[in-house]
């Protein structure tokens, strides 16, 4: 299970103290939060598209994380930023991009 990052200062703290890596569709900032659960924040800029497109991408990212949250290590604040190239992509594309970023951040638990 996870909580959401909602306040601007929470996002700013992750941007300032976290490390970031990116791939074709997403950018992921990760910062240690000192608790035993993850907090997820999602940001989709107006550059990506209108509100319908932005909310669709947000829902895809949230669902991809929800279904794969057991694979992620606990104790991190994670901010995911959608790039313009994420516009119009399928759930599978977004999900594989999220897992890829989790792997290169070493957040994916080895089975």
PDB file of N, CA and C in Angstrom:
ATOM      1  N   UNK A   1       0.843  -1.189   0.000  1.00  0.00           N
ATOM      2  CA  UNK A   1       0.000   0.000   0.000  1.00  0.00           C
ATOM      3  C   UNK A   1       0.880   1.241   0.000  1.00  0.00           C
ATOM      4  N   UNK A   2       0.314   2.355  -0.420  1.00  0.00           N
ATOM      5  CA  UNK A   2       1.067   3.589  -0.484  1.00  0.00           C
ATOM      6  C   UNK A   2       0.151   4.773  -0.224  1.00  0.00           C
ATOM      7  N   UNK A   3       0.753   5.881   0.143  1.00  0.00           N
ATOM      8  CA  UNK A   3       0.048   7.151   0.288  1.00  0.00           C
ATOM      9  C   UNK A   3       0.390   8.027  -0.904  1.00  0.00           C
ATOM     10  N   UNK A   4      -0.287   9.143  -0.993  1.00  0.00           N
ATOM     11  CA  UNK A   4      -0.027  10.072  -2.083  1.00  0.00           C
ATOM     12  C   UNK A   4       0.728  11.280  -1.560  1.00  0.00           C
ATOM     13  N   UNK A   5       1.598  11.840  -2.386  1.00  0.00           N
ATOM     14  CA  UNK A   5       2.172  13.148  -2.117  1.00  0.00           C
ATOM     15  C   UNK A   5       1.172  14.153  -2.661  1.00  0.00           C
ATOM     16  N   UNK A   6       0.727  15.086  -1.813  1.00  0.00           N
ATOM     17  CA  UNK A   6      -0.295  16.021  -2.262  1.00  0.00           C
ATOM     18  C   UNK A   6       0.170  17.470  -2.191  1.00  0.00           C
ATOM     19  N   UNK A   7       0.961  17.803  -1.194  1.00  0.00           N
ATOM     20  CA  UNK A   7       1.339  19.192  -0.970  1.00  0.00           C
ATOM     21  C   UNK A   7       2.555  19.577  -1.812  1.00  0.00           C
ATOM     22  N   UNK A   8       2.571  20.826  -2.224  1.00  0.00           N
ATOM     23  CA  UNK A   8       3.659  21.332  -3.054  1.00  0.00           C
ATOM     24  C   UNK A   8       5.005  21.180  -2.348  1.00  0.00           C
ATOM     25  N   UNK A   9       5.050  21.437  -1.024  1.00  0.00           N
ATOM     26  CA  UNK A   9       6.324  21.346  -0.329  1.00  0.00           C
ATOM     27  C   UNK A   9       6.849  19.912  -0.291  1.00  0.00           C
ATOM     28  N   UNK A  10       5.949  18.917  -0.307  1.00  0.00           N
ATOM     29  CA  UNK A  10       6.396  17.519  -0.392  1.00  0.00           C
ATOM     30  C   UNK A  10       7.069  17.258  -1.730  1.00  0.00           C
ATOM     31  N   UNK A  11       6.451  17.746  -2.810  1.00  0.00           N
ATOM     32  CA  UNK A  11       7.053  17.591  -4.130  1.00  0.00           C
ATOM     33  C   UNK A  11       8.406  18.301  -4.191  1.00  0.00           C
ATOM     34  N   UNK A  12       8.460  19.537  -3.669  1.00  0.00           N
ATOM     35  CA  UNK A  12       9.702  20.315  -3.715  1.00  0.00           C
ATOM     36  C   UNK A  12      10.822  19.627  -2.949  1.00  0.00           C
ATOM     37  N   UNK A  13      10.491  18.995  -1.821  1.00  0.00           N
ATOM     38  CA  UNK A  13      11.491  18.283  -1.028  1.00  0.00           C
ATOM     39  C   UNK A  13      12.083  17.118  -1.826  1.00  0.00           C
ATOM     40  N   UNK A  14      11.223  16.401  -2.547  1.00  0.00           N
ATOM     41  CA  UNK A  14      11.706  15.278  -3.358  1.00  0.00           C
ATOM     42  C   UNK A  14      12.562  15.789  -4.511  1.00  0.00           C
ATOM     43  N   UNK A  15      12.135  16.886  -5.156  1.00  0.00           N
ATOM     44  CA  UNK A  15      12.927  17.453  -6.250  1.00  0.00           C
ATOM     45  C   UNK A  15      14.308  17.887  -5.759  1.00  0.00           C
ATOM     46  N   UNK A  16      14.346  18.495  -4.565  1.00  0.00           N
ATOM     47  CA  UNK A  16      15.601  19.039  -4.044  1.00  0.00           C
ATOM     48  C   UNK A  16      16.529  17.939  -3.535  1.00  0.00           C
ATOM     49  N   UNK A  17      15.997  16.968  -2.779  1.00  0.00           N
ATOM     50  CA  UNK A  17      16.834  15.971  -2.112  1.00  0.00           C
ATOM     51  C   UNK A  17      16.926  14.644  -2.855  1.00  0.00           C
ATOM     52  N   UNK A  18      16.047  14.430  -3.829  1.00  0.00           N
ATOM     53  CA  UNK A  18      16.012  13.136  -4.498  1.00  0.00           C
ATOM     54  C   UNK A  18      16.946  13.057  -5.686  1.00  0.00           C
ATOM     55  N   UNK A  19      17.032  11.831  -6.210  1.00  0.00           N
ATOM     56  CA  UNK A  19      17.803  11.647  -7.440  1.00  0.00           C
ATOM     57  C   UNK A  19      16.807  11.324  -8.543  1.00  0.00           C
ATOM     58  N   UNK A  20      17.139  11.721  -9.765  1.00  0.00           N
ATOM     59  CA  UNK A  20      16.188  11.530 -10.852  1.00  0.00           C
ATOM     60  C   UNK A  20      16.827  10.749 -11.989  1.00  0.00           C
ATOM     61  N   UNK A  21      16.005   9.923 -12.597  1.00  0.00           N
ATOM     62  CA  UNK A  21      16.378   9.202 -13.810  1.00  0.00           C
ATOM     63  C   UNK A  21      15.168   9.226 -14.720  1.00  0.00           C
ATOM     64  N   UNK A  22      15.419   9.091 -16.010  1.00  0.00           N
ATOM     65  CA  UNK A  22      14.320   9.213 -16.968  1.00  0.00           C
ATOM     66  C   UNK A  22      14.443   8.168 -18.058  1.00  0.00           C
ATOM     67  N   UNK A  23      13.318   7.912 -18.705  1.00  0.00           N
ATOM     68  CA  UNK A  23      13.323   7.127 -19.933  1.00  0.00           C
ATOM     69  C   UNK A  23      12.447   7.858 -20.943  1.00  0.00           C
ATOM     70  N   UNK A  24      12.009   7.158 -21.962  1.00  0.00           N
ATOM     71  CA  UNK A  24      11.314   7.790 -23.074  1.00  0.00           C
ATOM     72  C   UNK A  24      10.018   8.493 -22.661  1.00  0.00           C
ATOM     73  N   UNK A  25       9.276   7.909 -21.712  1.00  0.00           N
ATOM     74  CA  UNK A  25       7.949   8.430 -21.380  1.00  0.00           C
ATOM     75  C   UNK A  25       7.842   9.099 -20.017  1.00  0.00           C
ATOM     76  N   UNK A  26       8.696   8.721 -19.069  1.00  0.00           N
ATOM     77  CA  UNK A  26       8.553   9.189 -17.692  1.00  0.00           C
ATOM     78  C   UNK A  26       9.878   9.663 -17.114  1.00  0.00           C
ATOM     79  N   UNK A  27       9.781  10.529 -16.101  1.00  0.00           N
ATOM     80  CA  UNK A  27      10.915  10.917 -15.257  1.00  0.00           C
ATOM     81  C   UNK A  27      10.533  10.516 -13.840  1.00  0.00           C
ATOM     82  N   UNK A  28      11.474   9.899 -13.112  1.00  0.00           N
ATOM     83  CA  UNK A  28      11.182   9.463 -11.744  1.00  0.00           C
ATOM     84  C   UNK A  28      12.191  10.076 -10.786  1.00  0.00           C
ATOM     85  N   UNK A  29      11.675  10.801  -9.790  1.00  0.00           N
ATOM     86  CA  UNK A  29      12.484  11.312  -8.695  1.00  0.00           C
ATOM     87  C   UNK A  29      12.241  10.419  -7.491  1.00  0.00           C
ATOM     88  N   UNK A  30      13.313  10.042  -6.791  1.00  0.00           N
ATOM     89  CA  UNK A  30      13.192   9.162  -5.633  1.00  0.00           C
ATOM     90  C   UNK A  30      13.967   9.758  -4.466  1.00  0.00           C
ATOM     91  N   UNK A  31      13.343   9.792  -3.304  1.00  0.00           N
ATOM     92  CA  UNK A  31      13.966  10.291  -2.088  1.00  0.00           C
ATOM     93  C   UNK A  31      13.552   9.391  -0.930  1.00  0.00           C
ATOM     94  N   UNK A  32      14.483   9.122  -0.033  1.00  0.00           N
ATOM     95  CA  UNK A  32      14.179   8.294   1.129  1.00  0.00           C
ATOM     96  C   UNK A  32      13.289   9.085   2.079  1.00  0.00           C
ATOM     97  N   UNK A  33      12.212   8.455   2.597  1.00  0.00           N
ATOM     98  CA  UNK A  33      11.315   9.203   3.483  1.00  0.00           C
ATOM     99  C   UNK A  33      11.365   8.739   4.939  1.00  0.00           C
ATOM    100  N   UNK A  34      12.151   7.725   5.240  1.00  0.00           N
ATOM    101  CA  UNK A  34      12.329   7.298   6.623  1.00  0.00           C
ATOM    102  C   UNK A  34      11.145   6.573   7.234  1.00  0.00           C
ATOM    103  N   UNK A  35      10.145   6.220   6.455  1.00  0.00           N
ATOM    104  CA  UNK A  35       9.024   5.454   6.981  1.00  0.00           C
ATOM    105  C   UNK A  35       9.048   4.061   6.351  1.00  0.00           C
ATOM    106  N   UNK A  36       8.033   3.271   6.624  1.00  0.00           N
ATOM    107  CA  UNK A  36       8.028   1.926   6.068  1.00  0.00           C
ATOM    108  C   UNK A  36       7.035   1.776   4.928  1.00  0.00           C
ATOM    109  N   UNK A  37       6.617   2.895   4.317  1.00  0.00           N
ATOM    110  CA  UNK A  37       5.769   2.804   3.136  1.00  0.00           C
ATOM    111  C   UNK A  37       6.138   3.885   2.136  1.00  0.00           C
ATOM    112  N   UNK A  38       5.741   3.665   0.902  1.00  0.00           N
ATOM    113  CA  UNK A  38       6.042   4.619  -0.158  1.00  0.00           C
ATOM    114  C   UNK A  38       4.951   5.670  -0.257  1.00  0.00           C
ATOM    115  N   UNK A  39       5.355   6.851  -0.708  1.00  0.00           N
ATOM    116  CA  UNK A  39       4.401   7.907  -1.034  1.00  0.00           C
ATOM    117  C   UNK A  39       4.614   8.249  -2.498  1.00  0.00           C
ATOM    118  N   UNK A  40       3.539   8.300  -3.258  1.00  0.00           N
ATOM    119  CA  UNK A  40       3.617   8.509  -4.698  1.00  0.00           C
ATOM    120  C   UNK A  40       3.019   9.849  -5.077  1.00  0.00           C
ATOM    121  N   UNK A  41       3.743  10.592  -5.906  1.00  0.00           N
ATOM    122  CA  UNK A  41       3.232  11.836  -6.479  1.00  0.00           C
ATOM    123  C   UNK A  41       3.333  11.756  -7.985  1.00  0.00           C
ATOM    124  N   UNK A  42       2.323  12.258  -8.683  1.00  0.00           N
ATOM    125  CA  UNK A  42       2.305  12.217 -10.146  1.00  0.00           C
ATOM    126  C   UNK A  42       2.100  13.629 -10.658  1.00  0.00           C
ATOM    127  N   UNK A  43       2.917  14.007 -11.633  1.00  0.00           N
ATOM    128  CA  UNK A  43       2.828  15.339 -12.210  1.00  0.00           C
ATOM    129  C   UNK A  43       2.755  15.218 -13.733  1.00  0.00           C
ATOM    130  N   UNK A  44       1.724  15.851 -14.309  1.00  0.00           N
ATOM    131  CA  UNK A  44       1.576  15.867 -15.763  1.00  0.00           C
ATOM    132  C   UNK A  44       1.358  17.320 -16.183  1.00  0.00           C
ATOM    133  N   UNK A  45       2.296  17.855 -16.929  1.00  0.00           N
ATOM    134  CA  UNK A  45       2.286  19.257 -17.319  1.00  0.00           C
ATOM    135  C   UNK A  45       1.216  19.544 -18.371  1.00  0.00           C
ATOM    136  N   UNK A  46       0.824  20.806 -18.452  1.00  0.00           N
ATOM    137  CA  UNK A  46      -0.118  21.224 -19.484  1.00  0.00           C
ATOM    138  C   UNK A  46       0.469  21.085 -20.886  1.00  0.00           C
ATOM    139  N   UNK A  47       1.785  21.001 -20.973  1.00  0.00           N
ATOM    140  CA  UNK A  47       2.425  20.803 -22.275  1.00  0.00           C
ATOM    141  C   UNK A  47       2.042  19.459 -22.891  1.00  0.00           C
ATOM    142  N   UNK A  48       1.666  18.505 -22.041  1.00  0.00           N
ATOM    143  CA  UNK A  48       1.340  17.158 -22.514  1.00  0.00           C
ATOM    144  C   UNK A  48       0.019  17.167 -23.279  1.00  0.00           C
ATOM    145  N   UNK A  49      -0.947  17.955 -22.833  1.00  0.00           N
ATOM    146  CA  UNK A  49      -2.224  17.995 -23.523  1.00  0.00           C
ATOM    147  C   UNK A  49      -3.301  18.607 -22.664  1.00  0.00           C
ATOM    148  N   UNK A  50      -4.541  18.484 -23.134  1.00  0.00           N
ATOM    149  CA  UNK A  50      -5.648  19.054 -22.369  1.00  0.00           C
ATOM    150  C   UNK A  50      -5.951  18.206 -21.137  1.00  0.00           C
ATOM    151  N   UNK A  51      -6.938  18.606 -20.361  1.00  0.00           N
ATOM    152  CA  UNK A  51      -7.182  17.949 -19.072  1.00  0.00           C
ATOM    153  C   UNK A  51      -7.574  16.481 -19.231  1.00  0.00           C
ATOM    154  N   UNK A  52      -8.296  16.147 -20.301  1.00  0.00           N
ATOM    155  CA  UNK A  52      -8.699  14.756 -20.521  1.00  0.00           C
ATOM    156  C   UNK A  52      -7.465  13.882 -20.718  1.00  0.00           C
ATOM    157  N   UNK A  53      -6.540  14.347 -21.541  1.00  0.00           N
ATOM    158  CA  UNK A  53      -5.303  13.594 -21.809  1.00  0.00           C
ATOM    159  C   UNK A  53      -4.451  13.497 -20.550  1.00  0.00           C
ATOM    160  N   UNK A  54      -4.314  14.610 -19.814  1.00  0.00           N
ATOM    161  CA  UNK A  54      -3.490  14.619 -18.593  1.00  0.00           C
ATOM    162  C   UNK A  54      -4.062  13.670 -17.543  1.00  0.00           C
ATOM    163  N   UNK A  55      -5.363  13.690 -17.362  1.00  0.00           N
ATOM    164  CA  UNK A  55      -5.965  12.807 -16.367  1.00  0.00           C
ATOM    165  C   UNK A  55      -5.866  11.344 -16.775  1.00  0.00           C
ATOM    166  N   UNK A  56      -5.965  11.064 -18.059  1.00  0.00           N
ATOM    167  CA  UNK A  56      -5.812   9.680 -18.528  1.00  0.00           C
ATOM    168  C   UNK A  56      -4.412   9.166 -18.219  1.00  0.00           C
ATOM    169  N   UNK A  57      -3.399   9.986 -18.489  1.00  0.00           N
ATOM    170  CA  UNK A  57      -2.019   9.577 -18.205  1.00  0.00           C
ATOM    171  C   UNK A  57      -1.829   9.382 -16.706  1.00  0.00           C
ATOM    172  N   UNK A  58      -2.407  10.284 -15.904  1.00  0.00           N
ATOM    173  CA  UNK A  58      -2.322  10.153 -14.445  1.00  0.00           C
ATOM    174  C   UNK A  58      -2.940   8.837 -13.979  1.00  0.00           C
ATOM    175  N   UNK A  59      -4.108   8.502 -14.517  1.00  0.00           N
ATOM    176  CA  UNK A  59      -4.764   7.247 -14.142  1.00  0.00           C
ATOM    177  C   UNK A  59      -3.946   6.037 -14.557  1.00  0.00           C
ATOM    178  N   UNK A  60      -3.332   6.091 -15.740  1.00  0.00           N
ATOM    179  CA  UNK A  60      -2.498   4.981 -16.203  1.00  0.00           C
ATOM    180  C   UNK A  60      -1.294   4.778 -15.286  1.00  0.00           C
ATOM    181  N   UNK A  61      -0.642   5.874 -14.906  1.00  0.00           N
ATOM    182  CA  UNK A  61       0.525   5.779 -14.022  1.00  0.00           C
ATOM    183  C   UNK A  61       0.106   5.245 -12.652  1.00  0.00           C
ATOM    184  N   UNK A  62      -0.995   5.779 -12.109  1.00  0.00           N
ATOM    185  CA  UNK A  62      -1.463   5.349 -10.792  1.00  0.00           C
ATOM    186  C   UNK A  62      -1.810   3.857 -10.791  1.00  0.00           C
ATOM    187  N   UNK A  63      -2.476   3.403 -11.836  1.00  0.00           N
ATOM    188  CA  UNK A  63      -2.867   1.999 -11.922  1.00  0.00           C
ATOM    189  C   UNK A  63      -1.647   1.102 -12.116  1.00  0.00           C
ATOM    190  N   UNK A  64      -0.692   1.538 -12.942  1.00  0.00           N
ATOM    191  CA  UNK A  64       0.531   0.757 -13.146  1.00  0.00           C
ATOM    192  C   UNK A  64       1.281   0.609 -11.831  1.00  0.00           C
ATOM    193  N   UNK A  65       1.347   1.688 -11.040  1.00  0.00           N
ATOM    194  CA  UNK A  65       2.027   1.599  -9.744  1.00  0.00           C
ATOM    195  C   UNK A  65       1.237   0.716  -8.780  1.00  0.00           C
ATOM    196  N   UNK A  66      -0.090   0.873  -8.759  1.00  0.00           N
ATOM    197  CA  UNK A  66      -0.921   0.098  -7.834  1.00  0.00           C
ATOM    198  C   UNK A  66      -0.757  -1.402  -8.064  1.00  0.00           C
ATOM    199  N   UNK A  67      -0.778  -1.817  -9.310  1.00  0.00           N
ATOM    200  CA  UNK A  67      -0.687  -3.239  -9.614  1.00  0.00           C
ATOM    201  C   UNK A  67       0.721  -3.803  -9.398  1.00  0.00           C
ATOM    202  N   UNK A  68       1.730  -2.931  -9.394  1.00  0.00           N
ATOM    203  CA  UNK A  68       3.106  -3.386  -9.229  1.00  0.00           C
ATOM    204  C   UNK A  68       3.747  -2.899  -7.935  1.00  0.00           C
ATOM    205  N   UNK A  69       2.950  -2.335  -7.023  1.00  0.00           N
ATOM    206  CA  UNK A  69       3.510  -1.748  -5.801  1.00  0.00           C
ATOM    207  C   UNK A  69       4.221  -2.779  -4.930  1.00  0.00           C
ATOM    208  N   UNK A  70       3.800  -4.043  -5.015  1.00  0.00           N
ATOM    209  CA  UNK A  70       4.461  -5.076  -4.211  1.00  0.00           C
ATOM    210  C   UNK A  70       5.897  -5.331  -4.675  1.00  0.00           C
ATOM    211  N   UNK A  71       6.217  -4.945  -5.895  1.00  0.00           N
ATOM    212  CA  UNK A  71       7.573  -5.139  -6.423  1.00  0.00           C
ATOM    213  C   UNK A  71       8.534  -4.050  -5.949  1.00  0.00           C
ATOM    214  N   UNK A  72       7.996  -2.917  -5.479  1.00  0.00           N
ATOM    215  CA  UNK A  72       8.830  -1.784  -5.090  1.00  0.00           C
ATOM    216  C   UNK A  72       9.230  -1.893  -3.620  1.00  0.00           C
ATOM    217  N   UNK A  73      10.486  -1.544  -3.329  1.00  0.00           N
ATOM    218  CA  UNK A  73      10.934  -1.488  -1.941  1.00  0.00           C
ATOM    219  C   UNK A  73      10.196  -0.366  -1.221  1.00  0.00           C
ATOM    220  N   UNK A  74      10.087  -0.479   0.095  1.00  0.00           N
ATOM    221  CA  UNK A  74       9.354   0.505   0.892  1.00  0.00           C
ATOM    222  C   UNK A  74      10.276   1.583   1.437  1.00  0.00           C
ATOM    223  N   UNK A  75       9.681   2.697   1.835  1.00  0.00           N
ATOM    224  CA  UNK A  75      10.415   3.761   2.503  1.00  0.00           C
ATOM    225  C   UNK A  75      10.874   4.886   1.597  1.00  0.00           C
ATOM    226  N   UNK A  76      10.166   5.105   0.491  1.00  0.00           N
ATOM    227  CA  UNK A  76      10.596   6.135  -0.456  1.00  0.00           C
ATOM    228  C   UNK A  76       9.448   7.063  -0.825  1.00  0.00           C
ATOM    229  N   UNK A  77       9.814   8.324  -1.101  1.00  0.00           N
ATOM    230  CA  UNK A  77       8.910   9.256  -1.760  1.00  0.00           C
ATOM    231  C   UNK A  77       9.250   9.192  -3.239  1.00  0.00           C
ATOM    232  N   UNK A  78       8.259   8.931  -4.063  1.00  0.00           N
ATOM    233  CA  UNK A  78       8.472   8.777  -5.495  1.00  0.00           C
ATOM    234  C   UNK A  78       7.607   9.799  -6.218  1.00  0.00           C
ATOM    235  N   UNK A  79       8.234  10.621  -7.060  1.00  0.00           N
ATOM    236  CA  UNK A  79       7.491  11.553  -7.902  1.00  0.00           C
ATOM    237  C   UNK A  79       7.716  11.127  -9.348  1.00  0.00           C
ATOM    238  N   UNK A  80       6.619  10.928 -10.055  1.00  0.00           N
ATOM    239  CA  UNK A  80       6.682  10.523 -11.455  1.00  0.00           C
ATOM    240  C   UNK A  80       6.144  11.671 -12.302  1.00  0.00           C
ATOM    241  N   UNK A  81       6.960  12.087 -13.269  1.00  0.00           N
ATOM    242  CA  UNK A  81       6.580  13.165 -14.171  1.00  0.00           C
ATOM    243  C   UNK A  81       6.406  12.570 -15.561  1.00  0.00           C
ATOM    244  N   UNK A  82       5.252  12.824 -16.163  1.00  0.00           N
ATOM    245  CA  UNK A  82       4.993  12.333 -17.517  1.00  0.00           C
ATOM    246  C   UNK A  82       5.626  13.279 -18.526  1.00  0.00           C
ATOM    247  N   UNK A  83       6.306  12.708 -19.497  1.00  0.00           N
ATOM    248  CA  UNK A  83       6.860  13.500 -20.587  1.00  0.00           C
ATOM    249  C   UNK A  83       5.819  13.638 -21.692  1.00  0.00           C
ATOM    250  N   UNK A  84       6.055  14.580 -22.598  1.00  0.00           N
ATOM    251  CA  UNK A  84       5.119  14.813 -23.698  1.00  0.00           C
ATOM    252  C   UNK A  84       4.957  13.553 -24.542  1.00  0.00           C
ATOM    253  N   UNK A  85       6.001  12.738 -24.634  1.00  0.00           N
ATOM    254  CA  UNK A  85       5.939  11.514 -25.443  1.00  0.00           C
ATOM    255  C   UNK A  85       4.990  10.464 -24.858  1.00  0.00           C
ATOM    256  N   UNK A  86       4.562  10.631 -23.606  1.00  0.00           N
ATOM    257  CA  UNK A  86       3.627   9.687 -22.992  1.00  0.00           C
ATOM    258  C   UNK A  86       2.211   9.862 -23.532  1.00  0.00           C
ATOM    259  N   UNK A  87       1.961  10.960 -24.200  1.00  0.00           N
ATOM    260  CA  UNK A  87       0.628  11.252 -24.742  1.00  0.00           C
ATOM    261  C   UNK A  87       0.206  10.166 -25.725  1.00  0.00           C
ATOM    262  N   UNK A  88      -0.971   9.589 -25.485  1.00  0.00           N
ATOM    263  CA  UNK A  88      -1.516   8.597 -26.397  1.00  0.00           C
ATOM    264  C   UNK A  88      -0.942   7.199 -26.260  1.00  0.00           C
ATOM    265  N   UNK A  89      -0.076   6.972 -25.277  1.00  0.00           N
ATOM    266  CA  UNK A  89       0.519   5.640 -25.114  1.00  0.00           C
ATOM    267  C   UNK A  89      -0.437   4.723 -24.359  1.00  0.00           C
ATOM    268  N   UNK A  90      -0.238   3.428 -24.553  1.00  0.00           N
ATOM    269  CA  UNK A  90      -1.110   2.437 -23.922  1.00  0.00           C
ATOM    270  C   UNK A  90      -0.677   2.186 -22.477  1.00  0.00           C
ATOM    271  N   UNK A  91      -1.528   1.465 -21.767  1.00  0.00           N
ATOM    272  CA  UNK A  91      -1.206   1.083 -20.396  1.00  0.00           C
ATOM    273  C   UNK A  91       0.092   0.273 -20.354  1.00  0.00           C
ATOM    274  N   UNK A  92       0.264  -0.653 -21.293  1.00  0.00           N
ATOM    275  CA  UNK A  92       1.467  -1.500 -21.306  1.00  0.00           C
ATOM    276  C   UNK A  92       2.741  -0.672 -21.474  1.00  0.00           C
ATOM    277  N   UNK A  93       2.691   0.347 -22.330  1.00  0.00           N
ATOM    278  CA  UNK A  93       3.853   1.216 -22.526  1.00  0.00           C
ATOM    279  C   UNK A  93       4.213   1.953 -21.233  1.00  0.00           C
ATOM    280  N   UNK A  94       3.204   2.524 -20.583  1.00  0.00           N
ATOM    281  CA  UNK A  94       3.422   3.276 -19.346  1.00  0.00           C
ATOM    282  C   UNK A  94       3.898   2.344 -18.234  1.00  0.00           C
ATOM    283  N   UNK A  95       3.293   1.170 -18.144  1.00  0.00           N
ATOM    284  CA  UNK A  95       3.662   0.205 -17.109  1.00  0.00           C
ATOM    285  C   UNK A  95       5.111  -0.247 -17.276  1.00  0.00           C
ATOM    286  N   UNK A  96       5.504  -0.580 -18.494  1.00  0.00           N
ATOM    287  CA  UNK A  96       6.885  -1.031 -18.711  1.00  0.00           C
ATOM    288  C   UNK A  96       7.878   0.100 -18.459  1.00  0.00           C
ATOM    289  N   UNK A  97       7.499   1.347 -18.769  1.00  0.00           N
ATOM    290  CA  UNK A  97       8.370   2.489 -18.483  1.00  0.00           C
ATOM    291  C   UNK A  97       8.536   2.676 -16.973  1.00  0.00           C
ATOM    292  N   UNK A  98       7.444   2.483 -16.217  1.00  0.00           N
ATOM    293  CA  UNK A  98       7.504   2.611 -14.759  1.00  0.00           C
ATOM    294  C   UNK A  98       8.389   1.528 -14.142  1.00  0.00           C
ATOM    295  N   UNK A  99       8.219   0.291 -14.582  1.00  0.00           N
ATOM    296  CA  UNK A  99       9.037  -0.816 -14.078  1.00  0.00           C
ATOM    297  C   UNK A  99      10.506  -0.593 -14.437  1.00  0.00           C
ATOM    298  N   UNK A 100      10.756  -0.120 -15.650  1.00  0.00           N
ATOM    299  CA  UNK A 100      12.130   0.155 -16.085  1.00  0.00           C
ATOM    300  C   UNK A 100      12.798   1.174 -15.168  1.00  0.00           C
ATOM    301  N   UNK A 101      12.086   2.258 -14.861  1.00  0.00           N
ATOM    302  CA  UNK A 101      12.652   3.277 -13.970  1.00  0.00           C
ATOM    303  C   UNK A 101      12.855   2.731 -12.564  1.00  0.00           C
ATOM    304  N   UNK A 102      11.932   1.898 -12.096  1.00  0.00           N
ATOM    305  CA  UNK A 102      12.101   1.263 -10.789  1.00  0.00           C
ATOM    306  C   UNK A 102      13.355   0.405 -10.750  1.00  0.00           C
ATOM    307  N   UNK A 103      13.613  -0.306 -11.836  1.00  0.00           N
ATOM    308  CA  UNK A 103      14.813  -1.154 -11.892  1.00  0.00           C
ATOM    309  C   UNK A 103      16.095  -0.332 -11.877  1.00  0.00           C
ATOM    310  N   UNK A 104      16.156   0.736 -12.677  1.00  0.00           N
ATOM    311  CA  UNK A 104      17.402   1.502 -12.737  1.00  0.00           C
ATOM    312  C   UNK A 104      17.611   2.343 -11.478  1.00  0.00           C
ATOM    313  N   UNK A 105      16.553   2.595 -10.711  1.00  0.00           N
ATOM    314  CA  UNK A 105      16.688   3.237  -9.400  1.00  0.00           C
ATOM    315  C   UNK A 105      16.980   2.209  -8.296  1.00  0.00           C
ATOM    316  N   UNK A 106      17.032   0.927  -8.652  1.00  0.00           N
ATOM    317  CA  UNK A 106      17.215  -0.167  -7.689  1.00  0.00           C
ATOM    318  C   UNK A 106      16.110  -0.209  -6.646  1.00  0.00           C
ATOM    319  N   UNK A 107      14.884   0.058  -7.065  1.00  0.00           N
ATOM    320  CA  UNK A 107      13.740   0.005  -6.154  1.00  0.00           C
ATOM    321  C   UNK A 107      12.964  -1.297  -6.286  1.00  0.00           C
ATOM    322  N   UNK A 108      13.205  -2.033  -7.352  1.00  0.00           N
ATOM    323  CA  UNK A 108      12.473  -3.277  -7.583  1.00  0.00           C
ATOM    324  C   UNK A 108      13.101  -4.384  -6.741  1.00  0.00           C
ATOM    325  N   UNK A 109      12.271  -5.049  -5.940  1.00  0.00           N
ATOM    326  CA  UNK A 109      12.735  -6.137  -5.093  1.00  0.00           C
ATOM    327  C   UNK A 109      13.025  -7.348  -5.982  1.00  0.00           C
ATOM    328  N   UNK A 110      14.189  -7.924  -5.811  1.00  0.00           N
ATOM    329  CA  UNK A 110      14.563  -9.114  -6.594  1.00  0.00           C
ATOM    330  C   UNK A 110      13.794 -10.319  -6.063  1.00  0.00           C
ATOM    331  N   UNK A 111      13.204 -11.065  -6.978  1.00  0.00           N
ATOM    332  CA  UNK A 111      12.449 -12.259  -6.563  1.00  0.00           C
ATOM    333  C   UNK A 111      13.282 -13.489  -6.642  1.00  0.00           C
TER     334      UNK A 111
END
